[in-house]
N, C-alpha and C. Protein backbone atom coordinates (compact mmCIF):
# COMPACT_ATOMS: atom_id res chain seq x y z
N UNK A 1 -43.39 61.92 -28.55
CA UNK A 1 -42.64 62.79 -27.66
C UNK A 1 -43.27 62.69 -26.28
N UNK A 2 -42.44 62.64 -25.27
CA UNK A 2 -42.97 62.52 -23.91
C UNK A 2 -43.61 63.83 -23.48
N UNK A 3 -44.51 63.73 -22.52
CA UNK A 3 -45.18 64.93 -21.99
C UNK A 3 -44.16 65.88 -21.41
N UNK A 4 -43.12 65.33 -20.80
CA UNK A 4 -42.09 66.18 -20.19
C UNK A 4 -41.37 67.02 -21.24
N UNK A 5 -41.04 66.42 -22.38
CA UNK A 5 -40.39 67.17 -23.45
C UNK A 5 -41.33 68.21 -24.07
N UNK A 6 -42.61 67.89 -24.17
CA UNK A 6 -43.58 68.83 -24.73
C UNK A 6 -43.72 70.08 -23.85
N UNK A 7 -43.45 69.95 -22.56
CA UNK A 7 -43.57 71.08 -21.65
C UNK A 7 -42.32 71.95 -21.58
N UNK A 8 -41.26 71.50 -22.25
CA UNK A 8 -40.02 72.29 -22.29
C UNK A 8 -40.22 73.48 -23.22
N UNK A 9 -39.82 74.65 -22.82
CA UNK A 9 -39.91 75.79 -23.75
C UNK A 9 -39.08 75.55 -24.99
N UNK A 10 -39.59 75.97 -26.10
CA UNK A 10 -38.85 75.81 -27.36
C UNK A 10 -38.97 77.09 -28.21
N UNK A 11 -37.97 77.28 -29.03
CA UNK A 11 -37.98 78.37 -30.00
C UNK A 11 -38.22 77.72 -31.35
N UNK A 12 -39.22 78.20 -32.09
CA UNK A 12 -39.55 77.64 -33.39
C UNK A 12 -39.98 78.75 -34.33
N UNK A 13 -40.10 78.40 -35.63
CA UNK A 13 -40.56 79.36 -36.62
C UNK A 13 -42.00 79.77 -36.33
N UNK A 14 -42.30 81.03 -36.53
CA UNK A 14 -43.66 81.54 -36.42
C UNK A 14 -44.45 81.12 -37.65
N UNK A 15 -45.69 80.70 -37.45
CA UNK A 15 -46.56 80.34 -38.55
C UNK A 15 -47.85 81.18 -38.43
N UNK A 16 -48.64 81.30 -39.50
CA UNK A 16 -49.85 82.13 -39.43
C UNK A 16 -50.78 81.78 -38.27
N UNK A 17 -50.85 80.52 -37.89
CA UNK A 17 -51.73 80.12 -36.79
C UNK A 17 -51.30 80.73 -35.46
N UNK A 18 -50.04 81.24 -35.37
CA UNK A 18 -49.54 81.85 -34.13
C UNK A 18 -49.94 83.32 -33.97
N UNK A 19 -50.49 83.92 -35.04
CA UNK A 19 -50.62 85.37 -35.05
C UNK A 19 -51.57 85.92 -33.97
N UNK A 20 -52.63 85.21 -33.62
CA UNK A 20 -53.53 85.71 -32.57
C UNK A 20 -52.75 85.86 -31.26
N UNK A 21 -51.96 84.85 -30.91
CA UNK A 21 -51.18 84.91 -29.66
C UNK A 21 -50.10 85.96 -29.73
N UNK A 22 -49.43 86.08 -30.86
CA UNK A 22 -48.37 87.08 -31.01
C UNK A 22 -48.94 88.48 -30.89
N UNK A 23 -50.05 88.75 -31.58
CA UNK A 23 -50.66 90.08 -31.53
C UNK A 23 -51.15 90.38 -30.12
N UNK A 24 -51.66 89.38 -29.40
CA UNK A 24 -52.12 89.61 -28.02
C UNK A 24 -50.95 90.06 -27.14
N UNK A 25 -49.80 89.43 -27.28
CA UNK A 25 -48.62 89.83 -26.51
C UNK A 25 -48.17 91.22 -26.95
N UNK A 26 -48.16 91.46 -28.24
CA UNK A 26 -47.74 92.75 -28.78
C UNK A 26 -48.60 93.88 -28.16
N UNK A 27 -49.89 93.67 -28.10
CA UNK A 27 -50.80 94.69 -27.55
C UNK A 27 -50.62 94.83 -26.04
N UNK A 28 -50.27 93.74 -25.37
CA UNK A 28 -50.04 93.78 -23.93
C UNK A 28 -48.79 94.58 -23.56
N UNK A 29 -47.76 94.45 -24.41
CA UNK A 29 -46.44 94.96 -24.05
C UNK A 29 -46.17 96.37 -24.62
N UNK A 30 -46.74 96.68 -25.78
CA UNK A 30 -46.42 97.94 -26.46
C UNK A 30 -47.61 98.88 -26.54
N UNK A 31 -47.37 100.15 -26.30
CA UNK A 31 -48.44 101.17 -26.45
C UNK A 31 -48.78 101.38 -27.93
N UNK A 32 -47.80 101.18 -28.80
CA UNK A 32 -48.01 101.38 -30.24
C UNK A 32 -47.60 100.09 -30.94
N UNK A 33 -48.48 99.09 -30.89
CA UNK A 33 -48.13 97.74 -31.37
C UNK A 33 -48.12 97.59 -32.88
N UNK A 34 -47.36 96.59 -33.33
CA UNK A 34 -47.46 96.16 -34.71
C UNK A 34 -48.84 95.59 -34.91
N UNK A 35 -49.29 95.58 -36.16
CA UNK A 35 -50.57 95.00 -36.49
C UNK A 35 -50.40 93.52 -36.89
N UNK A 36 -51.52 92.84 -36.94
CA UNK A 36 -51.49 91.45 -37.44
C UNK A 36 -50.91 91.42 -38.85
N UNK A 37 -51.26 92.44 -39.64
CA UNK A 37 -50.73 92.52 -41.00
C UNK A 37 -49.21 92.67 -41.05
N UNK A 38 -48.65 93.42 -40.10
CA UNK A 38 -47.19 93.57 -40.04
C UNK A 38 -46.52 92.20 -39.85
N UNK A 39 -47.08 91.41 -38.94
CA UNK A 39 -46.50 90.09 -38.69
C UNK A 39 -46.73 89.15 -39.87
N UNK A 40 -47.93 89.17 -40.41
CA UNK A 40 -48.26 88.33 -41.56
C UNK A 40 -47.35 88.66 -42.75
N UNK A 41 -47.15 89.93 -42.99
CA UNK A 41 -46.27 90.36 -44.08
C UNK A 41 -44.84 89.90 -43.85
N UNK A 42 -44.41 89.94 -42.60
CA UNK A 42 -43.03 89.49 -42.26
C UNK A 42 -42.85 88.01 -42.56
N UNK A 43 -43.87 87.20 -42.21
CA UNK A 43 -43.80 85.78 -42.53
C UNK A 43 -43.80 85.58 -44.04
N UNK A 44 -44.71 86.26 -44.72
CA UNK A 44 -44.82 86.13 -46.19
C UNK A 44 -43.57 86.59 -46.91
N UNK A 45 -42.85 87.55 -46.33
CA UNK A 45 -41.64 88.09 -46.96
C UNK A 45 -40.42 87.21 -46.72
N UNK A 46 -40.58 86.18 -45.93
CA UNK A 46 -39.45 85.28 -45.67
C UNK A 46 -38.51 85.77 -44.58
N UNK A 47 -38.96 86.73 -43.79
CA UNK A 47 -38.14 87.18 -42.66
C UNK A 47 -38.01 86.04 -41.67
N UNK A 48 -37.04 86.12 -40.79
CA UNK A 48 -36.87 85.12 -39.74
C UNK A 48 -37.81 85.52 -38.59
N UNK A 49 -38.90 84.80 -38.50
CA UNK A 49 -39.92 85.05 -37.51
C UNK A 49 -39.97 83.85 -36.56
N UNK A 50 -39.68 84.10 -35.30
CA UNK A 50 -39.60 83.04 -34.31
C UNK A 50 -40.56 83.28 -33.17
N UNK A 51 -41.01 82.20 -32.52
CA UNK A 51 -41.79 82.30 -31.30
C UNK A 51 -41.17 81.43 -30.21
N UNK A 52 -41.41 81.85 -28.99
CA UNK A 52 -41.09 81.03 -27.80
C UNK A 52 -42.39 80.38 -27.40
N UNK A 53 -42.37 79.07 -27.22
CA UNK A 53 -43.60 78.35 -26.92
C UNK A 53 -43.33 77.31 -25.82
N UNK A 54 -44.30 77.17 -24.93
CA UNK A 54 -44.23 76.13 -23.91
C UNK A 54 -45.62 75.57 -23.68
N UNK A 55 -45.73 74.25 -23.80
CA UNK A 55 -47.02 73.61 -23.58
C UNK A 55 -48.12 74.12 -24.46
N UNK A 56 -47.78 74.55 -25.68
CA UNK A 56 -48.76 75.06 -26.62
C UNK A 56 -49.05 76.55 -26.48
N UNK A 57 -48.45 77.19 -25.47
CA UNK A 57 -48.66 78.62 -25.25
C UNK A 57 -47.47 79.43 -25.73
N UNK A 58 -47.74 80.42 -26.54
CA UNK A 58 -46.67 81.32 -27.01
C UNK A 58 -46.47 82.42 -25.96
N UNK A 59 -45.19 82.66 -25.60
CA UNK A 59 -44.92 83.69 -24.60
C UNK A 59 -43.82 84.68 -25.03
N UNK A 60 -43.42 84.58 -26.28
CA UNK A 60 -42.44 85.52 -26.80
C UNK A 60 -42.31 85.34 -28.31
N UNK A 61 -41.69 86.32 -28.97
CA UNK A 61 -41.53 86.27 -30.41
C UNK A 61 -40.52 87.33 -30.86
N UNK A 62 -40.07 87.19 -32.07
CA UNK A 62 -39.20 88.18 -32.65
C UNK A 62 -39.22 88.06 -34.17
N UNK A 63 -38.77 89.13 -34.83
CA UNK A 63 -38.72 89.18 -36.29
C UNK A 63 -37.39 89.82 -36.69
N UNK A 64 -36.71 89.20 -37.64
CA UNK A 64 -35.42 89.71 -38.13
C UNK A 64 -35.38 89.57 -39.65
N UNK A 65 -34.84 90.58 -40.30
CA UNK A 65 -34.58 90.50 -41.75
C UNK A 65 -33.08 90.44 -41.96
N UNK A 66 -32.68 89.82 -43.04
CA UNK A 66 -31.26 89.75 -43.39
C UNK A 66 -31.13 90.07 -44.88
N UNK A 67 -30.18 90.94 -45.20
CA UNK A 67 -29.89 91.28 -46.59
C UNK A 67 -28.62 92.08 -46.66
N UNK A 68 -27.87 91.93 -47.73
CA UNK A 68 -26.64 92.67 -47.96
C UNK A 68 -25.68 92.55 -46.79
N UNK A 69 -25.57 91.33 -46.27
CA UNK A 69 -24.66 91.00 -45.16
C UNK A 69 -25.00 91.74 -43.87
N UNK A 70 -26.23 92.23 -43.75
CA UNK A 70 -26.71 92.90 -42.53
C UNK A 70 -27.98 92.23 -42.03
N UNK A 71 -28.03 92.02 -40.74
CA UNK A 71 -29.24 91.53 -40.09
C UNK A 71 -29.87 92.70 -39.36
N UNK A 72 -31.20 92.78 -39.42
CA UNK A 72 -31.93 93.84 -38.71
C UNK A 72 -32.98 93.17 -37.82
N UNK A 73 -32.79 93.30 -36.53
CA UNK A 73 -33.80 92.81 -35.61
C UNK A 73 -34.90 93.86 -35.58
N UNK A 74 -36.07 93.47 -36.06
CA UNK A 74 -37.16 94.43 -36.23
C UNK A 74 -38.05 94.51 -34.98
N UNK A 75 -38.22 93.41 -34.29
CA UNK A 75 -38.98 93.40 -33.05
C UNK A 75 -38.63 92.16 -32.27
N UNK A 76 -38.72 92.25 -30.95
CA UNK A 76 -38.54 91.14 -30.05
C UNK A 76 -39.29 91.46 -28.78
N UNK A 77 -40.12 90.52 -28.33
CA UNK A 77 -40.91 90.79 -27.16
C UNK A 77 -41.20 89.51 -26.40
N UNK A 78 -41.31 89.67 -25.08
CA UNK A 78 -41.65 88.59 -24.19
C UNK A 78 -42.91 89.02 -23.42
N UNK A 79 -43.86 88.11 -23.27
CA UNK A 79 -45.08 88.41 -22.51
C UNK A 79 -44.72 88.91 -21.12
N UNK A 80 -45.50 89.82 -20.58
CA UNK A 80 -45.21 90.44 -19.30
C UNK A 80 -44.97 89.38 -18.22
N UNK A 81 -45.75 88.32 -18.20
CA UNK A 81 -45.64 87.30 -17.15
C UNK A 81 -44.36 86.49 -17.25
N UNK A 82 -43.65 86.54 -18.38
CA UNK A 82 -42.45 85.77 -18.58
C UNK A 82 -41.18 86.64 -18.62
N UNK A 83 -41.33 87.94 -18.42
CA UNK A 83 -40.19 88.83 -18.49
C UNK A 83 -39.30 88.67 -17.26
N UNK A 84 -38.03 89.09 -17.41
CA UNK A 84 -37.02 89.06 -16.34
C UNK A 84 -36.66 87.64 -15.92
N UNK A 85 -36.76 86.72 -16.89
CA UNK A 85 -36.40 85.30 -16.62
C UNK A 85 -35.36 84.80 -17.63
N UNK A 86 -34.80 85.70 -18.44
CA UNK A 86 -33.77 85.31 -19.39
C UNK A 86 -34.25 84.91 -20.76
N UNK A 87 -35.59 84.94 -20.99
CA UNK A 87 -36.11 84.49 -22.29
C UNK A 87 -35.78 85.45 -23.42
N UNK A 88 -35.78 86.75 -23.11
CA UNK A 88 -35.40 87.72 -24.17
C UNK A 88 -33.98 87.48 -24.64
N UNK A 89 -33.10 87.22 -23.71
CA UNK A 89 -31.70 86.95 -24.09
C UNK A 89 -31.57 85.66 -24.89
N UNK A 90 -32.28 84.62 -24.48
CA UNK A 90 -32.23 83.36 -25.23
C UNK A 90 -32.72 83.54 -26.67
N UNK A 91 -33.80 84.28 -26.82
CA UNK A 91 -34.34 84.52 -28.17
C UNK A 91 -33.39 85.39 -28.98
N UNK A 92 -32.83 86.41 -28.37
CA UNK A 92 -31.88 87.29 -29.05
C UNK A 92 -30.66 86.48 -29.50
N UNK A 93 -30.15 85.64 -28.65
CA UNK A 93 -28.98 84.81 -29.02
C UNK A 93 -29.31 83.88 -30.18
N UNK A 94 -30.55 83.38 -30.25
CA UNK A 94 -30.94 82.54 -31.39
C UNK A 94 -30.89 83.37 -32.68
N UNK A 95 -31.40 84.60 -32.61
CA UNK A 95 -31.35 85.46 -33.80
C UNK A 95 -29.90 85.73 -34.21
N UNK A 96 -29.03 85.99 -33.25
CA UNK A 96 -27.62 86.21 -33.55
C UNK A 96 -27.02 84.99 -34.23
N UNK A 97 -27.34 83.82 -33.73
CA UNK A 97 -26.86 82.56 -34.31
C UNK A 97 -27.33 82.44 -35.78
N UNK A 98 -28.59 82.72 -36.01
CA UNK A 98 -29.12 82.65 -37.39
C UNK A 98 -28.40 83.67 -38.29
N UNK A 99 -28.21 84.88 -37.79
CA UNK A 99 -27.53 85.90 -38.60
C UNK A 99 -26.12 85.44 -38.97
N UNK A 100 -25.43 84.84 -38.04
CA UNK A 100 -24.07 84.34 -38.35
C UNK A 100 -24.15 83.20 -39.35
N UNK A 101 -25.08 82.30 -39.18
CA UNK A 101 -25.25 81.20 -40.14
C UNK A 101 -25.52 81.72 -41.55
N UNK A 102 -26.23 82.82 -41.64
CA UNK A 102 -26.59 83.39 -42.94
C UNK A 102 -25.49 84.35 -43.45
N UNK A 103 -24.38 84.38 -42.76
CA UNK A 103 -23.18 85.14 -43.13
C UNK A 103 -23.37 86.66 -43.07
N UNK A 104 -24.27 87.10 -42.20
CA UNK A 104 -24.34 88.54 -41.95
C UNK A 104 -23.09 88.97 -41.23
N UNK A 105 -22.61 90.16 -41.51
CA UNK A 105 -21.42 90.68 -40.86
C UNK A 105 -21.75 91.57 -39.66
N UNK A 106 -22.94 92.16 -39.70
CA UNK A 106 -23.37 93.03 -38.62
C UNK A 106 -24.85 92.81 -38.35
N UNK A 107 -25.26 93.15 -37.15
CA UNK A 107 -26.68 93.09 -36.77
C UNK A 107 -27.04 94.45 -36.19
N UNK A 108 -28.16 94.99 -36.62
CA UNK A 108 -28.62 96.29 -36.16
C UNK A 108 -30.00 96.14 -35.50
N UNK A 109 -30.28 97.06 -34.61
CA UNK A 109 -31.60 97.15 -34.02
C UNK A 109 -31.83 98.57 -33.53
N UNK A 110 -33.10 98.91 -33.36
CA UNK A 110 -33.49 100.18 -32.76
C UNK A 110 -34.14 99.86 -31.45
N UNK A 111 -33.90 100.69 -30.43
CA UNK A 111 -34.55 100.53 -29.13
C UNK A 111 -34.98 101.90 -28.65
N UNK A 112 -36.17 101.94 -28.07
CA UNK A 112 -36.64 103.21 -27.53
C UNK A 112 -35.66 103.73 -26.48
N UNK A 113 -35.40 105.02 -26.50
CA UNK A 113 -34.49 105.63 -25.55
C UNK A 113 -34.92 105.33 -24.12
N UNK A 114 -36.22 105.22 -23.88
CA UNK A 114 -36.73 105.00 -22.53
C UNK A 114 -36.69 103.52 -22.11
N UNK A 115 -36.38 102.62 -23.02
CA UNK A 115 -36.39 101.18 -22.72
C UNK A 115 -35.02 100.76 -22.18
N UNK A 116 -34.73 101.18 -20.96
CA UNK A 116 -33.41 100.95 -20.35
C UNK A 116 -33.09 99.47 -20.17
N UNK A 117 -34.09 98.67 -19.80
CA UNK A 117 -33.85 97.24 -19.58
C UNK A 117 -33.38 96.57 -20.88
N UNK A 118 -34.06 96.87 -21.99
CA UNK A 118 -33.68 96.27 -23.28
C UNK A 118 -32.29 96.76 -23.68
N UNK A 119 -32.04 98.06 -23.54
CA UNK A 119 -30.73 98.60 -23.91
C UNK A 119 -29.61 97.94 -23.12
N UNK A 120 -29.84 97.71 -21.83
CA UNK A 120 -28.82 97.03 -21.01
C UNK A 120 -28.59 95.60 -21.50
N UNK A 121 -29.66 94.90 -21.84
CA UNK A 121 -29.51 93.53 -22.38
C UNK A 121 -28.66 93.58 -23.65
N UNK A 122 -28.99 94.47 -24.56
CA UNK A 122 -28.25 94.53 -25.81
C UNK A 122 -26.77 94.84 -25.56
N UNK A 123 -26.51 95.78 -24.68
CA UNK A 123 -25.12 96.15 -24.36
C UNK A 123 -24.39 94.97 -23.73
N UNK A 124 -25.04 94.24 -22.85
CA UNK A 124 -24.41 93.09 -22.18
C UNK A 124 -24.00 92.04 -23.23
N UNK A 125 -24.79 91.90 -24.29
CA UNK A 125 -24.50 90.91 -25.33
C UNK A 125 -23.42 91.41 -26.29
N UNK A 126 -23.16 92.70 -26.30
CA UNK A 126 -22.09 93.24 -27.14
C UNK A 126 -22.50 94.32 -28.13
N UNK A 127 -23.78 94.67 -28.17
CA UNK A 127 -24.23 95.75 -29.05
C UNK A 127 -23.68 97.08 -28.51
N UNK A 128 -23.37 97.97 -29.45
CA UNK A 128 -22.99 99.32 -29.05
C UNK A 128 -23.89 100.31 -29.77
N UNK A 129 -24.14 101.43 -29.11
CA UNK A 129 -24.94 102.49 -29.74
C UNK A 129 -24.09 103.19 -30.77
N UNK A 130 -24.63 103.28 -31.99
CA UNK A 130 -23.89 103.96 -33.05
C UNK A 130 -24.58 105.21 -33.57
N UNK A 131 -25.85 105.39 -33.20
CA UNK A 131 -26.57 106.60 -33.67
C UNK A 131 -27.84 106.77 -32.86
N UNK A 132 -28.49 107.87 -33.11
CA UNK A 132 -29.78 108.19 -32.50
C UNK A 132 -30.69 108.67 -33.64
N UNK A 133 -31.90 108.15 -33.68
CA UNK A 133 -32.89 108.63 -34.64
C UNK A 133 -33.87 109.50 -33.87
N UNK A 134 -33.88 110.75 -34.19
CA UNK A 134 -34.78 111.71 -33.52
C UNK A 134 -36.23 111.43 -33.87
N UNK A 135 -37.09 111.41 -32.86
CA UNK A 135 -38.54 111.29 -33.04
C UNK A 135 -38.92 110.04 -33.86
N UNK A 136 -38.24 108.98 -33.69
CA UNK A 136 -38.45 107.75 -34.48
C UNK A 136 -39.73 107.02 -34.10
N UNK A 137 -39.98 106.90 -32.80
CA UNK A 137 -41.12 106.13 -32.30
C UNK A 137 -42.29 107.04 -31.91
N UNK A 138 -43.52 106.61 -32.17
CA UNK A 138 -44.65 107.34 -31.59
C UNK A 138 -44.63 107.14 -30.07
N UNK A 139 -45.06 108.14 -29.34
CA UNK A 139 -45.08 108.09 -27.89
C UNK A 139 -46.28 108.88 -27.38
N UNK A 140 -46.64 108.65 -26.15
CA UNK A 140 -47.74 109.39 -25.56
C UNK A 140 -47.37 110.89 -25.57
N UNK A 141 -48.21 111.68 -26.21
CA UNK A 141 -47.97 113.11 -26.26
C UNK A 141 -46.87 113.55 -27.21
N UNK A 142 -46.48 112.71 -28.15
CA UNK A 142 -45.45 113.14 -29.10
C UNK A 142 -44.68 111.99 -29.70
N UNK A 143 -43.38 112.14 -29.76
CA UNK A 143 -42.49 111.16 -30.36
C UNK A 143 -41.33 110.88 -29.40
N UNK A 144 -40.63 109.78 -29.63
CA UNK A 144 -39.49 109.40 -28.82
C UNK A 144 -38.34 108.98 -29.69
N UNK A 145 -37.12 109.32 -29.24
CA UNK A 145 -35.93 108.95 -30.00
C UNK A 145 -35.68 107.45 -29.93
N UNK A 146 -35.00 106.96 -30.95
CA UNK A 146 -34.52 105.58 -31.01
C UNK A 146 -33.00 105.59 -30.87
N UNK A 147 -32.48 104.62 -30.13
CA UNK A 147 -31.03 104.40 -30.10
C UNK A 147 -30.76 103.29 -31.13
N UNK A 148 -29.90 103.58 -32.08
CA UNK A 148 -29.53 102.58 -33.07
C UNK A 148 -28.32 101.84 -32.53
N UNK A 149 -28.44 100.51 -32.47
CA UNK A 149 -27.36 99.71 -31.89
C UNK A 149 -26.88 98.70 -32.93
N UNK A 150 -25.57 98.38 -32.83
CA UNK A 150 -24.95 97.48 -33.78
C UNK A 150 -24.13 96.44 -33.03
N UNK A 151 -24.18 95.22 -33.57
CA UNK A 151 -23.32 94.12 -33.09
C UNK A 151 -22.53 93.64 -34.29
N UNK A 152 -21.20 93.69 -34.19
CA UNK A 152 -20.36 93.13 -35.25
C UNK A 152 -20.30 91.62 -35.03
N UNK A 153 -20.69 90.89 -36.08
CA UNK A 153 -20.78 89.44 -35.96
C UNK A 153 -19.46 88.79 -36.39
């Protein structure tokens, strides 16, 4: 493979060797991060675990489960230095493509009520809010609601 192609960002399956980089991004971006064990368990369970990689550096990731014709996006994150460049949307669209390939009829996700940028992205792609989970997420000084969003595939 040419050096030029190796420097192109790619989306690929997450493997255990990626976990140090994934957990580092998780801790950088979230106040209440998933643990290494959460990611390891997701890989071991056969969930769809993807990373964004360029030149050997991981700068984004996501995890999705599929069952009973439903896809659930469990987490998706982009490193702070790579945010606002369209990578979150590219990764989300890959998960949507996989969900359709696996014959899921709907895709669900939870987003923090305060995460306006993510909610706008999801809405732009076609997700609609269908519910609210009270006190779903841990937050500084208490709990925060989750907006439950759905995309009909």
